[in-house]
Amino acid sequence: MSKRKSLIFTSVILAVAVFVWTSGDALAQEKGTKEVAREQVAKDVAAKGKATVDDVAKYLGKVTPSEQKAAAKRARQLGLKPGIAGRAAQAPEPGGTR
């Protein structure tokens, strides 16, 4: 019976130690920019009554489709080609590949 009691006691002590070590940083953290952005998007959606694709992307912290289209337009104005079409073809190495 003594082995069983010591095993239970050790397990409880380890569980308490793991809980204390893992929850210490989580309780002390401030809100990051991602959480603030999420709250702002949630307020905007609540005011409008419906969510757009841009709202969802902002909420998830991704680049919105309207930002992607604007970046593509700027790239076209600079003379860049879309995708991999603008990359130069790489010549094969002499002697083949190994």
PDB file of N, CA and C in Angstrom:
ATOM      1  N   MET A   1       0.809  -1.176   0.000  1.00  0.00           N
ATOM      2  CA  MET A   1       0.000   0.000   0.000  1.00  0.00           C
ATOM      3  C   MET A   1       0.865   1.257   0.000  1.00  0.00           C
ATOM      4  N   SER A   2       2.029   1.164   0.565  1.00  0.00           N
ATOM      5  CA  SER A   2       2.922   2.316   0.651  1.00  0.00           C
ATOM      6  C   SER A   2       3.396   2.754  -0.735  1.00  0.00           C
ATOM      7  N   LYS A   3       3.663   1.805  -1.617  1.00  0.00           N
ATOM      8  CA  LYS A   3       4.089   2.138  -2.979  1.00  0.00           C
ATOM      9  C   LYS A   3       2.986   2.885  -3.718  1.00  0.00           C
ATOM     10  N   ARG A   4       1.758   2.436  -3.547  1.00  0.00           N
ATOM     11  CA  ARG A   4       0.638   3.064  -4.226  1.00  0.00           C
ATOM     12  C   ARG A   4       0.450   4.502  -3.736  1.00  0.00           C
ATOM     13  N   LYS A   5       0.562   4.725  -2.451  1.00  0.00           N
ATOM     14  CA  LYS A   5       0.405   6.076  -1.896  1.00  0.00           C
ATOM     15  C   LYS A   5       1.515   6.994  -2.384  1.00  0.00           C
ATOM     16  N   SER A   6       2.729   6.508  -2.431  1.00  0.00           N
ATOM     17  CA  SER A   6       3.840   7.345  -2.885  1.00  0.00           C
ATOM     18  C   SER A   6       3.718   7.647  -4.382  1.00  0.00           C
ATOM     19  N   LEU A   7       3.220   6.699  -5.164  1.00  0.00           N
ATOM     20  CA  LEU A   7       3.020   6.919  -6.589  1.00  0.00           C
ATOM     21  C   LEU A   7       1.931   7.983  -6.829  1.00  0.00           C
ATOM     22  N   ILE A   8       0.846   7.899  -6.101  1.00  0.00           N
ATOM     23  CA  ILE A   8      -0.221   8.889  -6.222  1.00  0.00           C
ATOM     24  C   ILE A   8       0.278  10.257  -5.782  1.00  0.00           C
ATOM     25  N   PHE A   9       0.987  10.314  -4.676  1.00  0.00           N
ATOM     26  CA  PHE A   9       1.528  11.577  -4.178  1.00  0.00           C
ATOM     27  C   PHE A   9       2.484  12.214  -5.189  1.00  0.00           C
ATOM     28  N   THR A  10       3.363  11.422  -5.779  1.00  0.00           N
ATOM     29  CA  THR A  10       4.312  11.923  -6.775  1.00  0.00           C
ATOM     30  C   THR A  10       3.573  12.413  -8.020  1.00  0.00           C
ATOM     31  N   SER A  11       2.565  11.687  -8.437  1.00  0.00           N
ATOM     32  CA  SER A  11       1.792  12.091  -9.617  1.00  0.00           C
ATOM     33  C   SER A  11       1.081  13.416  -9.384  1.00  0.00           C
ATOM     34  N   VAL A  12       0.511  13.588  -8.198  1.00  0.00           N
ATOM     35  CA  VAL A  12      -0.181  14.836  -7.882  1.00  0.00           C
ATOM     36  C   VAL A  12       0.806  15.996  -7.842  1.00  0.00           C
ATOM     37  N   ILE A  13       1.947  15.799  -7.241  1.00  0.00           N
ATOM     38  CA  ILE A  13       2.966  16.851  -7.159  1.00  0.00           C
ATOM     39  C   ILE A  13       3.435  17.240  -8.559  1.00  0.00           C
ATOM     40  N   LEU A  14       3.672  16.279  -9.434  1.00  0.00           N
ATOM     41  CA  LEU A  14       4.099  16.570 -10.802  1.00  0.00           C
ATOM     42  C   LEU A  14       3.006  17.295 -11.583  1.00  0.00           C
ATOM     43  N   ALA A  15       1.756  16.888 -11.390  1.00  0.00           N
ATOM     44  CA  ALA A  15       0.652  17.558 -12.084  1.00  0.00           C
ATOM     45  C   ALA A  15       0.541  19.013 -11.632  1.00  0.00           C
ATOM     46  N   VAL A  16       0.680  19.264 -10.352  1.00  0.00           N
ATOM     47  CA  VAL A  16       0.624  20.632  -9.839  1.00  0.00           C
ATOM     48  C   VAL A  16       1.803  21.445 -10.373  1.00  0.00           C
ATOM     49  N   ALA A  17       2.979  20.861 -10.426  1.00  0.00           N
ATOM     50  CA  ALA A  17       4.160  21.568 -10.930  1.00  0.00           C
ATOM     51  C   ALA A  17       3.994  21.924 -12.401  1.00  0.00           C
ATOM     52  N   VAL A  18       3.484  21.018 -13.202  1.00  0.00           N
ATOM     53  CA  VAL A  18       3.266  21.290 -14.627  1.00  0.00           C
ATOM     54  C   VAL A  18       2.242  22.397 -14.788  1.00  0.00           C
ATOM     55  N   PHE A  19       1.173  22.365 -14.028  1.00  0.00           N
ATOM     56  CA  PHE A  19       0.149  23.403 -14.118  1.00  0.00           C
ATOM     57  C   PHE A  19       0.716  24.765 -13.741  1.00  0.00           C
ATOM     58  N   VAL A  20       1.493  24.831 -12.705  1.00  0.00           N
ATOM     59  CA  VAL A  20       2.061  26.107 -12.256  1.00  0.00           C
ATOM     60  C   VAL A  20       3.043  26.653 -13.285  1.00  0.00           C
ATOM     61  N   TRP A  21       3.892  25.814 -13.832  1.00  0.00           N
ATOM     62  CA  TRP A  21       4.891  26.282 -14.797  1.00  0.00           C
ATOM     63  C   TRP A  21       4.261  26.724 -16.112  1.00  0.00           C
ATOM     64  N   THR A  22       3.221  26.034 -16.564  1.00  0.00           N
ATOM     65  CA  THR A  22       2.635  26.379 -17.863  1.00  0.00           C
ATOM     66  C   THR A  22       1.680  27.552 -17.788  1.00  0.00           C
ATOM     67  N   SER A  23       1.025  27.774 -16.668  1.00  0.00           N
ATOM     68  CA  SER A  23       0.043  28.846 -16.606  1.00  0.00           C
ATOM     69  C   SER A  23       0.666  30.180 -16.195  1.00  0.00           C
ATOM     70  N   GLY A  24       1.905  30.205 -15.766  1.00  0.00           N
ATOM     71  CA  GLY A  24       2.521  31.438 -15.289  1.00  0.00           C
ATOM     72  C   GLY A  24       2.642  32.501 -16.364  1.00  0.00           C
ATOM     73  N   ASP A  25       3.106  32.144 -17.551  1.00  0.00           N
ATOM     74  CA  ASP A  25       3.280  33.119 -18.618  1.00  0.00           C
ATOM     75  C   ASP A  25       1.952  33.519 -19.243  1.00  0.00           C
ATOM     76  N   ALA A  26       1.031  32.601 -19.322  1.00  0.00           N
ATOM     77  CA  ALA A  26      -0.247  32.888 -19.970  1.00  0.00           C
ATOM     78  C   ALA A  26      -1.051  33.923 -19.190  1.00  0.00           C
ATOM     79  N   LEU A  27      -0.934  33.911 -17.901  1.00  0.00           N
ATOM     80  CA  LEU A  27      -1.697  34.851 -17.096  1.00  0.00           C
ATOM     81  C   LEU A  27      -1.090  36.243 -17.113  1.00  0.00           C
ATOM     82  N   ALA A  28       0.203  36.356 -17.418  1.00  0.00           N
ATOM     83  CA  ALA A  28       0.889  37.641 -17.357  1.00  0.00           C
ATOM     84  C   ALA A  28       0.959  38.350 -18.703  1.00  0.00           C
ATOM     85  N   GLN A  29       0.479  37.735 -19.774  1.00  0.00           N
ATOM     86  CA  GLN A  29       0.619  38.329 -21.098  1.00  0.00           C
ATOM     87  C   GLN A  29      -0.391  39.438 -21.319  1.00  0.00           C
ATOM     88  N   GLU A  30       0.058  40.457 -22.049  1.00  0.00           N
ATOM     89  CA  GLU A  30      -0.830  41.525 -22.463  1.00  0.00           C
ATOM     90  C   GLU A  30      -1.442  41.164 -23.807  1.00  0.00           C
ATOM     91  N   LYS A  31      -2.437  41.919 -24.203  1.00  0.00           N
ATOM     92  CA  LYS A  31      -3.035  41.675 -25.505  1.00  0.00           C
ATOM     93  C   LYS A  31      -2.069  42.115 -26.589  1.00  0.00           C
ATOM     94  N   GLY A  32      -1.869  41.251 -27.571  1.00  0.00           N
ATOM     95  CA  GLY A  32      -1.002  41.571 -28.688  1.00  0.00           C
ATOM     96  C   GLY A  32      -1.757  42.315 -29.770  1.00  0.00           C
ATOM     97  N   THR A  33      -1.046  42.654 -30.818  1.00  0.00           N
ATOM     98  CA  THR A  33      -1.668  43.402 -31.911  1.00  0.00           C
ATOM     99  C   THR A  33      -2.697  42.551 -32.642  1.00  0.00           C
ATOM    100  N   LYS A  34      -2.494  41.232 -32.659  1.00  0.00           N
ATOM    101  CA  LYS A  34      -3.431  40.354 -33.335  1.00  0.00           C
ATOM    102  C   LYS A  34      -4.792  40.358 -32.631  1.00  0.00           C
ATOM    103  N   GLU A  35      -4.768  40.305 -31.298  1.00  0.00           N
ATOM    104  CA  GLU A  35      -6.024  40.308 -30.556  1.00  0.00           C
ATOM    105  C   GLU A  35      -6.745  41.642 -30.701  1.00  0.00           C
ATOM    106  N   VAL A  36      -5.976  42.725 -30.699  1.00  0.00           N
ATOM    107  CA  VAL A  36      -6.577  44.050 -30.862  1.00  0.00           C
ATOM    108  C   VAL A  36      -7.220  44.166 -32.243  1.00  0.00           C
ATOM    109  N   ALA A  37      -6.530  43.656 -33.268  1.00  0.00           N
ATOM    110  CA  ALA A  37      -7.073  43.696 -34.629  1.00  0.00           C
ATOM    111  C   ALA A  37      -8.339  42.847 -34.721  1.00  0.00           C
ATOM    112  N   ARG A  38      -8.344  41.693 -34.064  1.00  0.00           N
ATOM    113  CA  ARG A  38      -9.531  40.843 -34.082  1.00  0.00           C
ATOM    114  C   ARG A  38     -10.724  41.544 -33.439  1.00  0.00           C
ATOM    115  N   GLU A  39     -10.475  42.215 -32.318  1.00  0.00           N
ATOM    116  CA  GLU A  39     -11.561  42.926 -31.648  1.00  0.00           C
ATOM    117  C   GLU A  39     -12.110  44.047 -32.535  1.00  0.00           C
ATOM    118  N   GLN A  40     -11.213  44.747 -33.223  1.00  0.00           N
ATOM    119  CA  GLN A  40     -11.632  45.846 -34.093  1.00  0.00           C
ATOM    120  C   GLN A  40     -12.474  45.316 -35.252  1.00  0.00           C
ATOM    121  N   VAL A  41     -12.045  44.216 -35.850  1.00  0.00           N
ATOM    122  CA  VAL A  41     -12.806  43.625 -36.957  1.00  0.00           C
ATOM    123  C   VAL A  41     -14.173  43.153 -36.460  1.00  0.00           C
ATOM    124  N   ALA A  42     -14.195  42.553 -35.273  1.00  0.00           N
ATOM    125  CA  ALA A  42     -15.469  42.085 -34.722  1.00  0.00           C
ATOM    126  C   ALA A  42     -16.426  43.256 -34.490  1.00  0.00           C
ATOM    127  N   LYS A  43     -15.909  44.386 -34.017  1.00  0.00           N
ATOM    128  CA  LYS A  43     -16.750  45.569 -33.821  1.00  0.00           C
ATOM    129  C   LYS A  43     -17.263  46.099 -35.162  1.00  0.00           C
ATOM    130  N   ASP A  44     -16.388  46.129 -36.166  1.00  0.00           N
ATOM    131  CA  ASP A  44     -16.792  46.614 -37.491  1.00  0.00           C
ATOM    132  C   ASP A  44     -17.879  45.724 -38.097  1.00  0.00           C
ATOM    133  N   VAL A  45     -17.722  44.423 -37.957  1.00  0.00           N
ATOM    134  CA  VAL A  45     -18.702  43.486 -38.511  1.00  0.00           C
ATOM    135  C   VAL A  45     -20.033  43.638 -37.774  1.00  0.00           C
ATOM    136  N   ALA A  46     -19.965  43.816 -36.464  1.00  0.00           N
ATOM    137  CA  ALA A  46     -21.199  43.988 -35.693  1.00  0.00           C
ATOM    138  C   ALA A  46     -21.924  45.265 -36.122  1.00  0.00           C
ATOM    139  N   ALA A  47     -21.164  46.310 -36.441  1.00  0.00           N
ATOM    140  CA  ALA A  47     -21.781  47.567 -36.862  1.00  0.00           C
ATOM    141  C   ALA A  47     -22.406  47.443 -38.249  1.00  0.00           C
ATOM    142  N   LYS A  48     -21.719  46.713 -39.165  1.00  0.00           N
ATOM    143  CA  LYS A  48     -22.232  46.558 -40.533  1.00  0.00           C
ATOM    144  C   LYS A  48     -23.347  45.533 -40.620  1.00  0.00           C
ATOM    145  N   GLY A  49     -23.271  44.508 -39.779  1.00  0.00           N
ATOM    146  CA  GLY A  49     -24.295  43.469 -39.806  1.00  0.00           C
ATOM    147  C   GLY A  49     -23.912  42.242 -40.609  1.00  0.00           C
ATOM    148  N   LYS A  50     -22.882  42.326 -41.452  1.00  0.00           N
ATOM    149  CA  LYS A  50     -22.442  41.148 -42.198  1.00  0.00           C
ATOM    150  C   LYS A  50     -20.936  41.239 -42.417  1.00  0.00           C
ATOM    151  N   ALA A  51     -20.325  40.088 -42.626  1.00  0.00           N
ATOM    152  CA  ALA A  51     -18.874  40.015 -42.793  1.00  0.00           C
ATOM    153  C   ALA A  51     -18.521  39.855 -44.264  1.00  0.00           C
ATOM    154  N   THR A  52     -17.484  40.559 -44.703  1.00  0.00           N
ATOM    155  CA  THR A  52     -16.989  40.422 -46.068  1.00  0.00           C
ATOM    156  C   THR A  52     -15.766  39.516 -46.060  1.00  0.00           C
ATOM    157  N   VAL A  53     -15.285  39.182 -47.237  1.00  0.00           N
ATOM    158  CA  VAL A  53     -14.087  38.350 -47.351  1.00  0.00           C
ATOM    159  C   VAL A  53     -12.888  39.089 -46.756  1.00  0.00           C
ATOM    160  N   ASP A  54     -12.834  40.406 -46.953  1.00  0.00           N
ATOM    161  CA  ASP A  54     -11.743  41.191 -46.375  1.00  0.00           C
ATOM    162  C   ASP A  54     -11.793  41.169 -44.852  1.00  0.00           C
ATOM    163  N   ASP A  55     -12.991  41.211 -44.277  1.00  0.00           N
ATOM    164  CA  ASP A  55     -13.127  41.162 -42.827  1.00  0.00           C
ATOM    165  C   ASP A  55     -12.625  39.835 -42.268  1.00  0.00           C
ATOM    166  N   VAL A  56     -12.962  38.757 -42.948  1.00  0.00           N
ATOM    167  CA  VAL A  56     -12.521  37.433 -42.497  1.00  0.00           C
ATOM    168  C   VAL A  56     -11.002  37.332 -42.565  1.00  0.00           C
ATOM    169  N   ALA A  57     -10.406  37.825 -43.651  1.00  0.00           N
ATOM    170  CA  ALA A  57      -8.955  37.767 -43.793  1.00  0.00           C
ATOM    171  C   ALA A  57      -8.269  38.610 -42.720  1.00  0.00           C
ATOM    172  N   LYS A  58      -8.807  39.792 -42.446  1.00  0.00           N
ATOM    173  CA  LYS A  58      -8.235  40.634 -41.388  1.00  0.00           C
ATOM    174  C   LYS A  58      -8.347  39.949 -40.041  1.00  0.00           C
ATOM    175  N   TYR A  59      -9.474  39.314 -39.777  1.00  0.00           N
ATOM    176  CA  TYR A  59      -9.697  38.631 -38.507  1.00  0.00           C
ATOM    177  C   TYR A  59      -8.685  37.506 -38.319  1.00  0.00           C
ATOM    178  N   LEU A  60      -8.379  36.802 -39.395  1.00  0.00           N
ATOM    179  CA  LEU A  60      -7.427  35.695 -39.320  1.00  0.00           C
ATOM    180  C   LEU A  60      -5.977  36.152 -39.410  1.00  0.00           C
ATOM    181  N   GLY A  61      -5.747  37.453 -39.626  1.00  0.00           N
ATOM    182  CA  GLY A  61      -4.387  37.967 -39.697  1.00  0.00           C
ATOM    183  C   GLY A  61      -3.721  37.710 -41.031  1.00  0.00           C
ATOM    184  N   LYS A  62      -4.503  37.557 -42.080  1.00  0.00           N
ATOM    185  CA  LYS A  62      -3.961  37.292 -43.415  1.00  0.00           C
ATOM    186  C   LYS A  62      -4.048  38.550 -44.281  1.00  0.00           C
ATOM    187  N   VAL A  63      -3.406  38.491 -45.439  1.00  0.00           N
ATOM    188  CA  VAL A  63      -3.469  39.592 -46.389  1.00  0.00           C
ATOM    189  C   VAL A  63      -4.830  39.542 -47.074  1.00  0.00           C
ATOM    190  N   THR A  64      -5.507  40.677 -47.118  1.00  0.00           N
ATOM    191  CA  THR A  64      -6.845  40.706 -47.690  1.00  0.00           C
ATOM    192  C   THR A  64      -6.778  40.659 -49.216  1.00  0.00           C
ATOM    193  N   PRO A  65      -7.829  40.176 -49.868  1.00  0.00           N
ATOM    194  CA  PRO A  65      -7.849  40.129 -51.329  1.00  0.00           C
ATOM    195  C   PRO A  65      -7.691  41.511 -51.966  1.00  0.00           C
ATOM    196  N   SER A  66      -8.252  42.539 -51.351  1.00  0.00           N
ATOM    197  CA  SER A  66      -8.101  43.881 -51.928  1.00  0.00           C
ATOM    198  C   SER A  66      -6.647  44.348 -51.862  1.00  0.00           C
ATOM    199  N   GLU A  67      -5.929  43.959 -50.796  1.00  0.00           N
ATOM    200  CA  GLU A  67      -4.498  44.299 -50.710  1.00  0.00           C
ATOM    201  C   GLU A  67      -3.702  43.521 -51.755  1.00  0.00           C
ATOM    202  N   GLN A  68      -4.079  42.264 -52.001  1.00  0.00           N
ATOM    203  CA  GLN A  68      -3.404  41.457 -53.020  1.00  0.00           C
ATOM    204  C   GLN A  68      -3.592  42.063 -54.405  1.00  0.00           C
ATOM    205  N   LYS A  69      -4.818  42.503 -54.701  1.00  0.00           N
ATOM    206  CA  LYS A  69      -5.082  43.113 -56.011  1.00  0.00           C
ATOM    207  C   LYS A  69      -4.297  44.407 -56.174  1.00  0.00           C
ATOM    208  N   ALA A  70      -4.210  45.204 -55.112  1.00  0.00           N
ATOM    209  CA  ALA A  70      -3.454  46.457 -55.185  1.00  0.00           C
ATOM    210  C   ALA A  70      -1.965  46.180 -55.390  1.00  0.00           C
ATOM    211  N   ALA A  71      -1.439  45.151 -54.739  1.00  0.00           N
ATOM    212  CA  ALA A  71      -0.028  44.800 -54.915  1.00  0.00           C
ATOM    213  C   ALA A  71       0.242  44.311 -56.337  1.00  0.00           C
ATOM    214  N   ALA A  72      -0.678  43.535 -56.900  1.00  0.00           N
ATOM    215  CA  ALA A  72      -0.513  43.060 -58.274  1.00  0.00           C
ATOM    216  C   ALA A  72      -0.556  44.226 -59.252  1.00  0.00           C
ATOM    217  N   LYS A  73      -1.426  45.191 -58.996  1.00  0.00           N
ATOM    218  CA  LYS A  73      -1.515  46.367 -59.862  1.00  0.00           C
ATOM    219  C   LYS A  73      -0.224  47.184 -59.812  1.00  0.00           C
ATOM    220  N   ARG A  74       0.319  47.360 -58.605  1.00  0.00           N
ATOM    221  CA  ARG A  74       1.597  48.087 -58.481  1.00  0.00           C
ATOM    222  C   ARG A  74       2.719  47.345 -59.196  1.00  0.00           C
ATOM    223  N   ALA A  75       2.731  46.022 -59.104  1.00  0.00           N
ATOM    224  CA  ALA A  75       3.768  45.231 -59.773  1.00  0.00           C
ATOM    225  C   ALA A  75       3.655  45.368 -61.289  1.00  0.00           C
ATOM    226  N   ARG A  76       2.422  45.338 -61.818  1.00  0.00           N
ATOM    227  CA  ARG A  76       2.239  45.519 -63.270  1.00  0.00           C
ATOM    228  C   ARG A  76       2.728  46.895 -63.705  1.00  0.00           C
ATOM    229  N   GLN A  77       2.459  47.924 -62.892  1.00  0.00           N
ATOM    230  CA  GLN A  77       2.896  49.277 -63.236  1.00  0.00           C
ATOM    231  C   GLN A  77       4.418  49.385 -63.227  1.00  0.00           C
ATOM    232  N   LEU A  78       5.071  48.562 -62.411  1.00  0.00           N
ATOM    233  CA  LEU A  78       6.537  48.560 -62.382  1.00  0.00           C
ATOM    234  C   LEU A  78       7.133  47.714 -63.503  1.00  0.00           C
ATOM    235  N   GLY A  79       6.286  47.012 -64.233  1.00  0.00           N
ATOM    236  CA  GLY A  79       6.767  46.202 -65.353  1.00  0.00           C
ATOM    237  C   GLY A  79       7.086  44.767 -64.985  1.00  0.00           C
ATOM    238  N   LEU A  80       6.680  44.318 -63.811  1.00  0.00           N
ATOM    239  CA  LEU A  80       6.931  42.938 -63.401  1.00  0.00           C
ATOM    240  C   LEU A  80       5.843  42.030 -63.955  1.00  0.00           C
ATOM    241  N   LYS A  81       6.216  40.808 -64.245  1.00  0.00           N
ATOM    242  CA  LYS A  81       5.259  39.836 -64.763  1.00  0.00           C
ATOM    243  C   LYS A  81       4.708  39.012 -63.596  1.00  0.00           C
ATOM    244  N   PRO A  82       3.488  38.532 -63.710  1.00  0.00           N
ATOM    245  CA  PRO A  82       2.888  37.768 -62.609  1.00  0.00           C
ATOM    246  C   PRO A  82       3.501  36.374 -62.474  1.00  0.00           C
ATOM    247  N   GLY A  83       3.528  35.870 -61.254  1.00  0.00           N
ATOM    248  CA  GLY A  83       3.968  34.502 -60.999  1.00  0.00           C
ATOM    249  C   GLY A  83       5.428  34.270 -61.328  1.00  0.00           C
ATOM    250  N   ILE A  84       5.719  33.120 -61.909  1.00  0.00           N
ATOM    251  CA  ILE A  84       7.096  32.766 -62.224  1.00  0.00           C
ATOM    252  C   ILE A  84       7.483  33.188 -63.636  1.00  0.00           C
ATOM    253  N   ALA A  85       6.583  33.854 -64.343  1.00  0.00           N
ATOM    254  CA  ALA A  85       6.880  34.270 -65.712  1.00  0.00           C
ATOM    255  C   ALA A  85       8.009  35.295 -65.748  1.00  0.00           C
ATOM    256  N   GLY A  86       8.195  36.030 -64.657  1.00  0.00           N
ATOM    257  CA  GLY A  86       9.232  37.058 -64.631  1.00  0.00           C
ATOM    258  C   GLY A  86      10.621  36.520 -64.321  1.00  0.00           C
ATOM    259  N   ARG A  87      10.706  35.266 -63.927  1.00  0.00           N
ATOM    260  CA  ARG A  87      12.005  34.689 -63.590  1.00  0.00           C
ATOM    261  C   ARG A  87      12.743  34.272 -64.859  1.00  0.00           C
ATOM    262  N   ALA A  88      14.050  34.440 -64.841  1.00  0.00           N
ATOM    263  CA  ALA A  88      14.854  34.019 -65.987  1.00  0.00           C
ATOM    264  C   ALA A  88      15.040  32.502 -65.934  1.00  0.00           C
ATOM    265  N   ALA A  89      15.078  31.890 -67.105  1.00  0.00           N
ATOM    266  CA  ALA A  89      15.298  30.450 -67.164  1.00  0.00           C
ATOM    267  C   ALA A  89      16.731  30.143 -66.779  1.00  0.00           C
ATOM    268  N   GLN A  90      16.896  29.135 -65.943  1.00  0.00           N
ATOM    269  CA  GLN A  90      18.225  28.784 -65.470  1.00  0.00           C
ATOM    270  C   GLN A  90      18.830  27.745 -66.414  1.00  0.00           C
ATOM    271  N   ALA A  91      20.042  28.016 -66.870  1.00  0.00           N
ATOM    272  CA  ALA A  91      20.732  27.097 -67.771  1.00  0.00           C
ATOM    273  C   ALA A  91      21.210  25.879 -66.988  1.00  0.00           C
ATOM    274  N   PRO A  92      21.173  24.698 -67.611  1.00  0.00           N
ATOM    275  CA  PRO A  92      21.649  23.501 -66.905  1.00  0.00           C
ATOM    276  C   PRO A  92      23.156  23.581 -66.686  1.00  0.00           C
ATOM    277  N   GLU A  93      23.561  22.926 -65.614  1.00  0.00           N
ATOM    278  CA  GLU A  93      24.987  22.922 -65.291  1.00  0.00           C
ATOM    279  C   GLU A  93      25.742  22.049 -66.279  1.00  0.00           C
ATOM    280  N   PRO A  94      26.962  22.449 -66.651  1.00  0.00           N
ATOM    281  CA  PRO A  94      27.755  21.605 -67.561  1.00  0.00           C
ATOM    282  C   PRO A  94      28.129  20.300 -66.850  1.00  0.00           C
ATOM    283  N   GLY A  95      28.059  19.229 -67.562  1.00  0.00           N
ATOM    284  CA  GLY A  95      28.427  17.937 -66.996  1.00  0.00           C
ATOM    285  C   GLY A  95      27.233  17.186 -66.430  1.00  0.00           C
ATOM    286  N   GLY A  96      26.073  17.750 -66.489  1.00  0.00           N
ATOM    287  CA  GLY A  96      24.872  17.042 -65.998  1.00  0.00           C
ATOM    288  C   GLY A  96      24.670  17.211 -64.505  1.00  0.00           C
ATOM    289  N   THR A  97      23.678  16.527 -64.004  1.00  0.00           N
ATOM    290  CA  THR A  97      23.368  16.602 -62.573  1.00  0.00           C
ATOM    291  C   THR A  97      23.727  15.301 -61.898  1.00  0.00           C
ATOM    292  N   ARG A  98      23.969  15.363 -60.651  1.00  0.00           N
ATOM    293  CA  ARG A  98      24.295  14.155 -59.873  1.00  0.00           C
ATOM    294  C   ARG A  98      23.419  14.063 -58.695  1.00  0.00           C
TER     295      ARG A  98
END
